[in-house]
PDB file of N, CA and C in Angstrom:
ATOM      1  N   MET A   1     -16.845  25.927  33.036  1.00  0.00           N
ATOM      2  CA  MET A   1     -15.883  25.010  32.487  1.00  0.00           C
ATOM      3  C   MET A   1     -16.747  23.663  32.128  1.00  0.00           C
ATOM      4  N   VAL A   2     -15.968  23.119  31.626  1.00  0.00           N
ATOM      5  CA  VAL A   2     -16.479  21.529  31.119  1.00  0.00           C
ATOM      6  C   VAL A   2     -16.183  20.379  32.237  1.00  0.00           C
ATOM      7  N   GLN A   3     -16.967  19.813  32.553  1.00  0.00           N
ATOM      8  CA  GLN A   3     -16.826  18.820  33.786  1.00  0.00           C
ATOM      9  C   GLN A   3     -15.839  17.598  33.049  1.00  0.00           C
ATOM     10  N   ARG A   4     -15.077  17.149  33.606  1.00  0.00           N
ATOM     11  CA  ARG A   4     -14.420  15.896  32.805  1.00  0.00           C
ATOM     12  C   ARG A   4     -15.025  14.541  33.209  1.00  0.00           C
ATOM     13  N   VAL A   5     -15.235  13.395  32.880  1.00  0.00           N
ATOM     14  CA  VAL A   5     -15.375  12.327  33.269  1.00  0.00           C
ATOM     15  C   VAL A   5     -14.599  11.124  32.894  1.00  0.00           C
ATOM     16  N   THR A   6     -14.617  10.208  33.302  1.00  0.00           N
ATOM     17  CA  THR A   6     -13.387   8.980  33.377  1.00  0.00           C
ATOM     18  C   THR A   6     -14.149   7.692  32.906  1.00  0.00           C
ATOM     19  N   TYR A   7     -13.528   6.722  31.920  1.00  0.00           N
ATOM     20  CA  TYR A   7     -14.276   5.434  32.346  1.00  0.00           C
ATOM     21  C   TYR A   7     -14.205   4.617  33.424  1.00  0.00           C
ATOM     22  N   ARG A   8     -15.187   3.637  33.521  1.00  0.00           N
ATOM     23  CA  ARG A   8     -14.747   3.028  35.010  1.00  0.00           C
ATOM     24  C   ARG A   8     -14.852   1.802  34.321  1.00  0.00           C
ATOM     25  N   ARG A   9     -14.591   1.202  33.447  1.00  0.00           N
ATOM     26  CA  ARG A   9     -14.263  -0.388  33.129  1.00  0.00           C
ATOM     27  C   ARG A   9     -12.613  -0.319  32.817  1.00  0.00           C
ATOM     28  N   ARG A  10     -12.283  -1.207  32.257  1.00  0.00           N
ATOM     29  CA  ARG A  10     -10.768  -1.524  32.052  1.00  0.00           C
ATOM     30  C   ARG A  10     -10.434  -0.737  30.587  1.00  0.00           C
ATOM     31  N   HIS A  11     -10.762  -0.974  29.523  1.00  0.00           N
ATOM     32  CA  HIS A  11      -9.977   0.045  28.487  1.00  0.00           C
ATOM     33  C   HIS A  11     -10.568   1.124  27.956  1.00  0.00           C
ATOM     34  N   SER A  12      -9.534   2.139  27.436  1.00  0.00           N
ATOM     35  CA  SER A  12     -10.223   3.522  27.369  1.00  0.00           C
ATOM     36  C   SER A  12     -10.345   4.057  25.734  1.00  0.00           C
ATOM     37  N   TYR A  13     -10.810   3.011  25.562  1.00  0.00           N
ATOM     38  CA  TYR A  13     -10.679   2.795  23.900  1.00  0.00           C
ATOM     39  C   TYR A  13     -12.329   3.388  23.433  1.00  0.00           C
ATOM     40  N   ASN A  14     -12.719   4.093  22.058  1.00  0.00           N
ATOM     41  CA  ASN A  14     -13.838   4.381  21.743  1.00  0.00           C
ATOM     42  C   ASN A  14     -14.542   3.386  20.995  1.00  0.00           C
ATOM     43  N   THR A  15     -14.725   2.387  21.301  1.00  0.00           N
ATOM     44  CA  THR A  15     -14.857   1.041  20.759  1.00  0.00           C
ATOM     45  C   THR A  15     -16.311   1.271  20.814  1.00  0.00           C
ATOM     46  N   ARG A  16     -16.848  -0.006  19.572  1.00  0.00           N
ATOM     47  CA  ARG A  16     -18.602  -0.072  19.312  1.00  0.00           C
ATOM     48  C   ARG A  16     -18.714  -0.430  21.059  1.00  0.00           C
ATOM     49  N   SER A  17     -18.170  -1.618  21.893  1.00  0.00           N
ATOM     50  CA  SER A  17     -18.414  -2.315  23.215  1.00  0.00           C
ATOM     51  C   SER A  17     -18.426  -0.840  24.226  1.00  0.00           C
ATOM     52  N   ASN A  18     -18.097  -0.085  23.886  1.00  0.00           N
ATOM     53  CA  ASN A  18     -17.078   0.729  25.284  1.00  0.00           C
ATOM     54  C   ASN A  18     -18.234   2.391  25.290  1.00  0.00           C
ATOM     55  N   LYS A  19     -19.297   2.390  24.245  1.00  0.00           N
ATOM     56  CA  LYS A  19     -20.210   3.832  24.402  1.00  0.00           C
ATOM     57  C   LYS A  19     -20.570   4.046  25.838  1.00  0.00           C
ATOM     58  N   VAL A  20     -20.557   5.003  25.854  1.00  0.00           N
ATOM     59  CA  VAL A  20     -20.965   6.117  27.108  1.00  0.00           C
ATOM     60  C   VAL A  20     -21.674   7.230  27.009  1.00  0.00           C
ATOM     61  N   ALA A  21     -22.400   7.767  27.777  1.00  0.00           N
ATOM     62  CA  ALA A  21     -23.416   8.360  28.055  1.00  0.00           C
ATOM     63  C   ALA A  21     -23.045   9.393  29.144  1.00  0.00           C
ATOM     64  N   LYS A  22     -22.793  10.880  29.220  1.00  0.00           N
ATOM     65  CA  LYS A  22     -22.681  11.365  30.279  1.00  0.00           C
ATOM     66  C   LYS A  22     -24.073  11.564  31.002  1.00  0.00           C
ATOM     67  N   VAL A  23     -24.337  11.594  32.176  1.00  0.00           N
ATOM     68  CA  VAL A  23     -25.366  11.671  33.275  1.00  0.00           C
ATOM     69  C   VAL A  23     -24.939  12.101  34.128  1.00  0.00           C
ATOM     70  N   LYS A  24     -25.913  13.411  34.701  1.00  0.00           N
ATOM     71  CA  LYS A  24     -25.969  14.291  35.712  1.00  0.00           C
ATOM     72  C   LYS A  24     -26.941  13.223  36.861  1.00  0.00           C
ATOM     73  N   THR A  25     -25.946  13.234  38.046  1.00  0.00           N
ATOM     74  CA  THR A  25     -26.879  12.664  39.098  1.00  0.00           C
ATOM     75  C   THR A  25     -27.706  13.550  40.177  1.00  0.00           C
ATOM     76  N   PRO A  26     -28.478  12.712  41.198  1.00  0.00           N
ATOM     77  CA  PRO A  26     -29.443  14.060  41.699  1.00  0.00           C
ATOM     78  C   PRO A  26     -28.200  14.572  42.728  1.00  0.00           C
ATOM     79  N   GLY A  27     -27.382  14.159  43.060  1.00  0.00           N
ATOM     80  CA  GLY A  27     -26.413  14.697  44.079  1.00  0.00           C
ATOM     81  C   GLY A  27     -25.615  15.721  42.936  1.00  0.00           C
ATOM     82  N   ASN A  28     -25.626  15.895  42.005  1.00  0.00           N
ATOM     83  CA  ASN A  28     -25.175  16.890  40.948  1.00  0.00           C
ATOM     84  C   ASN A  28     -23.799  16.754  40.483  1.00  0.00           C
ATOM     85  N   ARG A  29     -23.436  14.843  40.452  1.00  0.00           N
ATOM     86  CA  ARG A  29     -22.246  14.793  39.834  1.00  0.00           C
ATOM     87  C   ARG A  29     -22.640  14.141  38.374  1.00  0.00           C
ATOM     88  N   LEU A  30     -21.449  14.658  37.649  1.00  0.00           N
ATOM     89  CA  LEU A  30     -21.378  14.092  36.508  1.00  0.00           C
ATOM     90  C   LEU A  30     -20.587  12.664  36.069  1.00  0.00           C
ATOM     91  N   VAL A  31     -21.365  11.765  36.023  1.00  0.00           N
ATOM     92  CA  VAL A  31     -20.963  10.251  35.720  1.00  0.00           C
ATOM     93  C   VAL A  31     -21.092   9.544  34.373  1.00  0.00           C
ATOM     94  N   VAL A  32     -20.560   8.546  34.019  1.00  0.00           N
ATOM     95  CA  VAL A  32     -20.451   7.765  32.846  1.00  0.00           C
ATOM     96  C   VAL A  32     -21.508   6.991  33.114  1.00  0.00           C
ATOM     97  N   GLN A  33     -22.434   6.691  32.131  1.00  0.00           N
ATOM     98  CA  GLN A  33     -23.437   4.942  32.087  1.00  0.00           C
ATOM     99  C   GLN A  33     -22.864   4.690  30.607  1.00  0.00           C
ATOM    100  N   TYR A  34     -22.956   3.328  30.659  1.00  0.00           N
ATOM    101  CA  TYR A  34     -22.218   2.820  29.508  1.00  0.00           C
ATOM    102  C   TYR A  34     -23.497   2.221  28.802  1.00  0.00           C
ATOM    103  N   LEU A  35     -23.465   2.228  27.741  1.00  0.00           N
ATOM    104  CA  LEU A  35     -24.130   1.864  26.250  1.00  0.00           C
ATOM    105  C   LEU A  35     -24.386   0.607  25.883  1.00  0.00           C
ATOM    106  N   GLY A  36     -25.776  -0.001  25.644  1.00  0.00           N
ATOM    107  CA  GLY A  36     -25.408  -1.431  25.294  1.00  0.00           C
ATOM    108  C   GLY A  36     -25.366  -1.149  23.728  1.00  0.00           C
ATOM    109  N   LYS A  37     -24.691  -2.650  23.020  1.00  0.00           N
ATOM    110  CA  LYS A  37     -24.749  -2.551  21.533  1.00  0.00           C
ATOM    111  C   LYS A  37     -26.271  -2.181  20.900  1.00  0.00           C
ATOM    112  N   HIS A  38     -26.254  -1.560  19.601  1.00  0.00           N
ATOM    113  CA  HIS A  38     -27.684  -2.113  19.098  1.00  0.00           C
ATOM    114  C   HIS A  38     -27.236  -2.893  17.886  1.00  0.00           C
ATOM    115  N   PHE A  39     -28.266  -3.972  18.447  1.00  0.00           N
ATOM    116  CA  PHE A  39     -28.108  -5.193  17.480  1.00  0.00           C
ATOM    117  C   PHE A  39     -28.494  -5.362  16.280  1.00  0.00           C
ATOM    118  N   GLN A  40     -28.341  -6.034  15.023  1.00  0.00           N
ATOM    119  CA  GLN A  40     -28.866  -5.613  14.026  1.00  0.00           C
ATOM    120  C   GLN A  40     -30.134  -6.995  14.021  1.00  0.00           C
ATOM    121  N   ARG A  41     -30.687  -6.937  12.579  1.00  0.00           N
ATOM    122  CA  ARG A  41     -31.774  -8.073  12.679  1.00  0.00           C
ATOM    123  C   ARG A  41     -30.972  -9.616  12.717  1.00  0.00           C
ATOM    124  N   LEU A  42     -31.637 -10.607  13.581  1.00  0.00           N
ATOM    125  CA  LEU A  42     -31.232 -11.638  13.398  1.00  0.00           C
ATOM    126  C   LEU A  42     -31.252 -12.468  12.175  1.00  0.00           C
ATOM    127  N   LEU A  43     -30.070 -13.146  11.398  1.00  0.00           N
ATOM    128  CA  LEU A  43     -30.033 -13.900  10.359  1.00  0.00           C
ATOM    129  C   LEU A  43     -29.869 -15.269  10.404  1.00  0.00           C
ATOM    130  N   SER A  44     -30.336 -15.965   9.589  1.00  0.00           N
ATOM    131  CA  SER A  44     -29.692 -17.337   9.809  1.00  0.00           C
ATOM    132  C   SER A  44     -28.241 -17.579   9.276  1.00  0.00           C
ATOM    133  N   ARG A  45     -27.710 -18.758   9.344  1.00  0.00           N
ATOM    134  CA  ARG A  45     -26.382 -18.803   8.991  1.00  0.00           C
ATOM    135  C   ARG A  45     -25.859 -18.927   7.471  1.00  0.00           C
ATOM    136  N   THR A  46     -26.682 -19.157   6.731  1.00  0.00           N
ATOM    137  CA  THR A  46     -26.753 -19.483   5.367  1.00  0.00           C
ATOM    138  C   THR A  46     -26.927 -17.959   4.816  1.00  0.00           C
ATOM    139  N   LYS A  47     -27.652 -16.780   4.999  1.00  0.00           N
ATOM    140  CA  LYS A  47     -27.967 -15.506   4.765  1.00  0.00           C
ATOM    141  C   LYS A  47     -26.564 -14.707   5.367  1.00  0.00           C
ATOM    142  N   LYS A  48     -26.075 -15.288   5.978  1.00  0.00           N
ATOM    143  CA  LYS A  48     -24.476 -14.571   6.537  1.00  0.00           C
ATOM    144  C   LYS A  48     -23.236 -14.775   5.618  1.00  0.00           C
ATOM    145  N   ARG A  49     -23.779 -16.074   4.718  1.00  0.00           N
ATOM    146  CA  ARG A  49     -22.231 -16.078   3.857  1.00  0.00           C
ATOM    147  C   ARG A  49     -22.659 -15.857   2.506  1.00  0.00           C
ATOM    148  N   VAL A  50     -21.490 -15.952   2.012  1.00  0.00           N
ATOM    149  CA  VAL A  50     -21.433 -15.280   0.529  1.00  0.00           C
ATOM    150  C   VAL A  50     -21.750 -16.884  -0.376  1.00  0.00           C
ATOM    151  N   SER A  51     -22.823 -16.894  -0.898  1.00  0.00           N
ATOM    152  CA  SER A  51     -22.994 -18.272  -1.966  1.00  0.00           C
ATOM    153  C   SER A  51     -21.946 -18.385  -3.007  1.00  0.00           C
ATOM    154  N   ARG A  52     -20.783 -18.917  -2.510  1.00  0.00           N
ATOM    155  CA  ARG A  52     -19.613 -19.583  -3.587  1.00  0.00           C
ATOM    156  C   ARG A  52     -18.920 -20.550  -2.504  1.00  0.00           C
ATOM    157  N   ALA A  53     -17.988 -20.831  -3.461  1.00  0.00           N
ATOM    158  CA  ALA A  53     -16.926 -21.661  -2.507  1.00  0.00           C
ATOM    159  C   ALA A  53     -16.126 -20.840  -1.746  1.00  0.00           C
ATOM    160  N   TYR A  54     -15.728 -21.758  -0.436  1.00  0.00           N
ATOM    161  CA  TYR A  54     -15.561 -20.881   0.544  1.00  0.00           C
ATOM    162  C   TYR A  54     -15.984 -19.609   0.971  1.00  0.00           C
ATOM    163  N   GLY A  55     -16.974 -19.543   1.049  1.00  0.00           N
ATOM    164  CA  GLY A  55     -18.038 -18.570   1.125  1.00  0.00           C
ATOM    165  C   GLY A  55     -17.531 -17.724   2.420  1.00  0.00           C
ATOM    166  N   GLY A  56     -17.556 -18.376   3.535  1.00  0.00           N
ATOM    167  CA  GLY A  56     -17.600 -17.108   4.805  1.00  0.00           C
ATOM    168  C   GLY A  56     -16.106 -17.527   5.315  1.00  0.00           C
ATOM    169  N   VAL A  57     -15.106 -17.914   4.407  1.00  0.00           N
ATOM    170  CA  VAL A  57     -13.582 -18.263   4.995  1.00  0.00           C
ATOM    171  C   VAL A  57     -12.722 -17.166   3.990  1.00  0.00           C
ATOM    172  N   LEU A  58     -12.879 -17.453   2.916  1.00  0.00           N
ATOM    173  CA  LEU A  58     -11.640 -16.856   2.059  1.00  0.00           C
ATOM    174  C   LEU A  58     -12.598 -15.441   1.175  1.00  0.00           C
ATOM    175  N   CYS A  59     -11.960 -14.405   0.877  1.00  0.00           N
ATOM    176  CA  CYS A  59     -12.434 -13.381  -0.059  1.00  0.00           C
ATOM    177  C   CYS A  59     -13.151 -13.910  -1.411  1.00  0.00           C
ATOM    178  N   GLY A  60     -13.078 -12.992  -2.503  1.00  0.00           N
ATOM    179  CA  GLY A  60     -13.619 -13.430  -3.635  1.00  0.00           C
ATOM    180  C   GLY A  60     -12.152 -13.381  -4.359  1.00  0.00           C
ATOM    181  N   CYS A  61     -11.274 -13.059  -4.032  1.00  0.00           N
ATOM    182  CA  CYS A  61      -9.834 -12.608  -4.766  1.00  0.00           C
ATOM    183  C   CYS A  61      -9.015 -13.728  -4.373  1.00  0.00           C
ATOM    184  N   CYS A  62      -9.012 -14.320  -2.898  1.00  0.00           N
ATOM    185  CA  CYS A  62      -8.626 -15.559  -3.084  1.00  0.00           C
ATOM    186  C   CYS A  62      -9.108 -16.667  -3.407  1.00  0.00           C
ATOM    187  N   VAL A  63     -10.384 -17.006  -3.804  1.00  0.00           N
ATOM    188  CA  VAL A  63     -10.727 -17.971  -4.209  1.00  0.00           C
ATOM    189  C   VAL A  63     -10.707 -18.111  -5.456  1.00  0.00           C
ATOM    190  N   ARG A  64     -10.563 -16.799  -6.076  1.00  0.00           N
ATOM    191  CA  ARG A  64     -10.261 -16.922  -7.782  1.00  0.00           C
ATOM    192  C   ARG A  64      -8.801 -17.268  -8.087  1.00  0.00           C
ATOM    193  N   ASP A  65      -7.533 -16.882  -7.101  1.00  0.00           N
ATOM    194  CA  ASP A  65      -6.208 -17.079  -7.027  1.00  0.00           C
ATOM    195  C   ASP A  65      -6.135 -18.473  -6.950  1.00  0.00           C
ATOM    196  N   ARG A  66      -6.867 -19.085  -6.011  1.00  0.00           N
ATOM    197  CA  ARG A  66      -6.582 -20.455  -5.749  1.00  0.00           C
ATOM    198  C   ARG A  66      -7.484 -21.496  -6.900  1.00  0.00           C
ATOM    199  N   ILE A  67      -8.702 -20.884  -7.495  1.00  0.00           N
ATOM    200  CA  ILE A  67      -8.870 -21.759  -8.995  1.00  0.00           C
ATOM    201  C   ILE A  67      -7.929 -21.523 -10.210  1.00  0.00           C
ATOM    202  N   LEU A  68      -7.277 -20.399 -10.140  1.00  0.00           N
ATOM    203  CA  LEU A  68      -6.148 -20.348 -11.080  1.00  0.00           C
ATOM    204  C   LEU A  68      -5.108 -20.902 -11.003  1.00  0.00           C
ATOM    205  N   ARG A  69      -4.603 -21.084  -9.442  1.00  0.00           N
ATOM    206  CA  ARG A  69      -3.523 -22.026  -9.544  1.00  0.00           C
ATOM    207  C   ARG A  69      -3.595 -23.264  -9.617  1.00  0.00           C
ATOM    208  N   ALA A  70      -4.642 -23.704  -9.372  1.00  0.00           N
ATOM    209  CA  ALA A  70      -5.195 -25.553  -9.601  1.00  0.00           C
ATOM    210  C   ALA A  70      -5.303 -25.462 -11.160  1.00  0.00           C
ATOM    211  N   PHE A  71      -5.762 -24.452 -11.722  1.00  0.00           N
ATOM    212  CA  PHE A  71      -6.080 -24.560 -13.293  1.00  0.00           C
ATOM    213  C   PHE A  71      -4.558 -24.808 -13.880  1.00  0.00           C
ATOM    214  N   LEU A  72      -3.535 -24.007 -13.562  1.00  0.00           N
ATOM    215  CA  LEU A  72      -2.646 -23.851 -14.273  1.00  0.00           C
ATOM    216  C   LEU A  72      -1.647 -24.959 -13.835  1.00  0.00           C
ATOM    217  N   TYR A  73      -1.726 -25.583 -12.557  1.00  0.00           N
ATOM    218  CA  TYR A  73      -1.078 -26.641 -12.186  1.00  0.00           C
ATOM    219  C   TYR A  73      -1.551 -28.073 -13.062  1.00  0.00           C
ATOM    220  N   GLU A  74      -2.804 -28.003 -13.747  1.00  0.00           N
ATOM    221  CA  GLU A  74      -3.334 -29.092 -14.003  1.00  0.00           C
ATOM    222  C   GLU A  74      -2.977 -28.836 -15.471  1.00  0.00           C
ATOM    223  N   GLU A  75      -2.873 -27.648 -16.259  1.00  0.00           N
ATOM    224  CA  GLU A  75      -2.025 -27.576 -17.401  1.00  0.00           C
ATOM    225  C   GLU A  75      -0.264 -28.037 -17.292  1.00  0.00           C
ATOM    226  N   PHE A  76       0.063 -27.383 -16.296  1.00  0.00           N
ATOM    227  CA  PHE A  76       1.522 -27.908 -16.383  1.00  0.00           C
ATOM    228  C   PHE A  76       1.446 -29.488 -16.497  1.00  0.00           C
ATOM    229  N   LYS A  77       0.777 -30.009 -15.637  1.00  0.00           N
ATOM    230  CA  LYS A  77       0.953 -31.684 -15.340  1.00  0.00           C
ATOM    231  C   LYS A  77       0.545 -32.549 -17.025  1.00  0.00           C
ATOM    232  N   ILE A  78      -0.323 -31.584 -17.569  1.00  0.00           N
ATOM    233  CA  ILE A  78      -0.821 -32.194 -18.875  1.00  0.00           C
ATOM    234  C   ILE A  78       0.697 -31.850 -19.869  1.00  0.00           C
ATOM    235  N   ASN A  79       1.126 -30.876 -19.750  1.00  0.00           N
ATOM    236  CA  ASN A  79       2.320 -30.309 -20.793  1.00  0.00           C
ATOM    237  C   ASN A  79       3.535 -31.135 -20.603  1.00  0.00           C
ATOM    238  N   LYS A  80       3.746 -31.590 -19.088  1.00  0.00           N
ATOM    239  CA  LYS A  80       5.118 -32.580 -18.875  1.00  0.00           C
ATOM    240  C   LYS A  80       4.341 -33.827 -19.362  1.00  0.00           C
ATOM    241  N   ARG A  81       3.222 -34.340 -19.400  1.00  0.00           N
ATOM    242  CA  ARG A  81       2.946 -35.605 -19.678  1.00  0.00           C
ATOM    243  C   ARG A  81       3.388 -35.971 -21.254  1.00  0.00           C
ATOM    244  N   LEU A  82       2.779 -34.705 -22.331  1.00  0.00           N
ATOM    245  CA  LEU A  82       3.365 -34.612 -23.470  1.00  0.00           C
ATOM    246  C   LEU A  82       4.894 -34.473 -23.740  1.00  0.00           C
ATOM    247  N   LYS A  83       5.473 -33.917 -23.128  1.00  0.00           N
ATOM    248  CA  LYS A  83       6.845 -33.797 -23.406  1.00  0.00           C
ATOM    249  C   LYS A  83       7.838 -34.766 -22.804  1.00  0.00           C
ATOM    250  N   ASP A  84       6.798 -35.786 -21.908  1.00  0.00           N
ATOM    251  CA  ASP A  84       7.764 -37.149 -21.836  1.00  0.00           C
ATOM    252  C   ASP A  84       7.286 -38.245 -22.971  1.00  0.00           C
ATOM    253  N   ARG A  85       6.009 -37.982 -23.231  1.00  0.00           N
ATOM    254  CA  ARG A  85       5.744 -39.009 -24.486  1.00  0.00           C
ATOM    255  C   ARG A  85       6.582 -38.628 -25.801  1.00  0.00           C
ATOM    256  N   LYS A  86       6.687 -37.322 -26.002  1.00  0.00           N
ATOM    257  CA  LYS A  86       7.611 -36.953 -27.395  1.00  0.00           C
ATOM    258  C   LYS A  86       9.124 -37.092 -27.476  1.00  0.00           C
ATOM    259  N   SER A  87       9.626 -37.380 -25.974  1.00  0.00           N
ATOM    260  CA  SER A  87      11.034 -37.553 -25.359  1.00  0.00           C
ATOM    261  C   SER A  87      11.063 -39.115 -25.707  1.00  0.00           C
ATOM    262  N   LYS A  88      10.352 -39.858 -25.677  1.00  0.00           N
ATOM    263  CA  LYS A  88      10.288 -41.338 -25.492  1.00  0.00           C
ATOM    264  C   LYS A  88      10.146 -42.025 -26.641  1.00  0.00           C
ATOM    265  N   LYS A  89       9.673 -41.145 -27.849  1.00  0.00           N
ATOM    266  CA  LYS A  89       9.596 -41.589 -29.077  1.00  0.00           C
ATOM    267  C   LYS A  89      10.915 -41.554 -29.873  1.00  0.00           C
TER     268      LYS A  89
END
């Protein structure tokens, strides 16, 4: 029969920070040892970000929507000015 082990820390979810290994002790008990995270290569801040406006803040679709909205708003203002000039004449 398989021996069961329990987590020794607070949360019981299988997350990156909560990885465990089952280890036999010299007293023939099965215990849990927590494993550290495997870190990736250290990168500078500029390499972690995308080289566009709002790079680390907004996704590409959100940036596109924002640019399109600003463009359409400017077009709307221009058309409004033209209509006002035509109505005054």
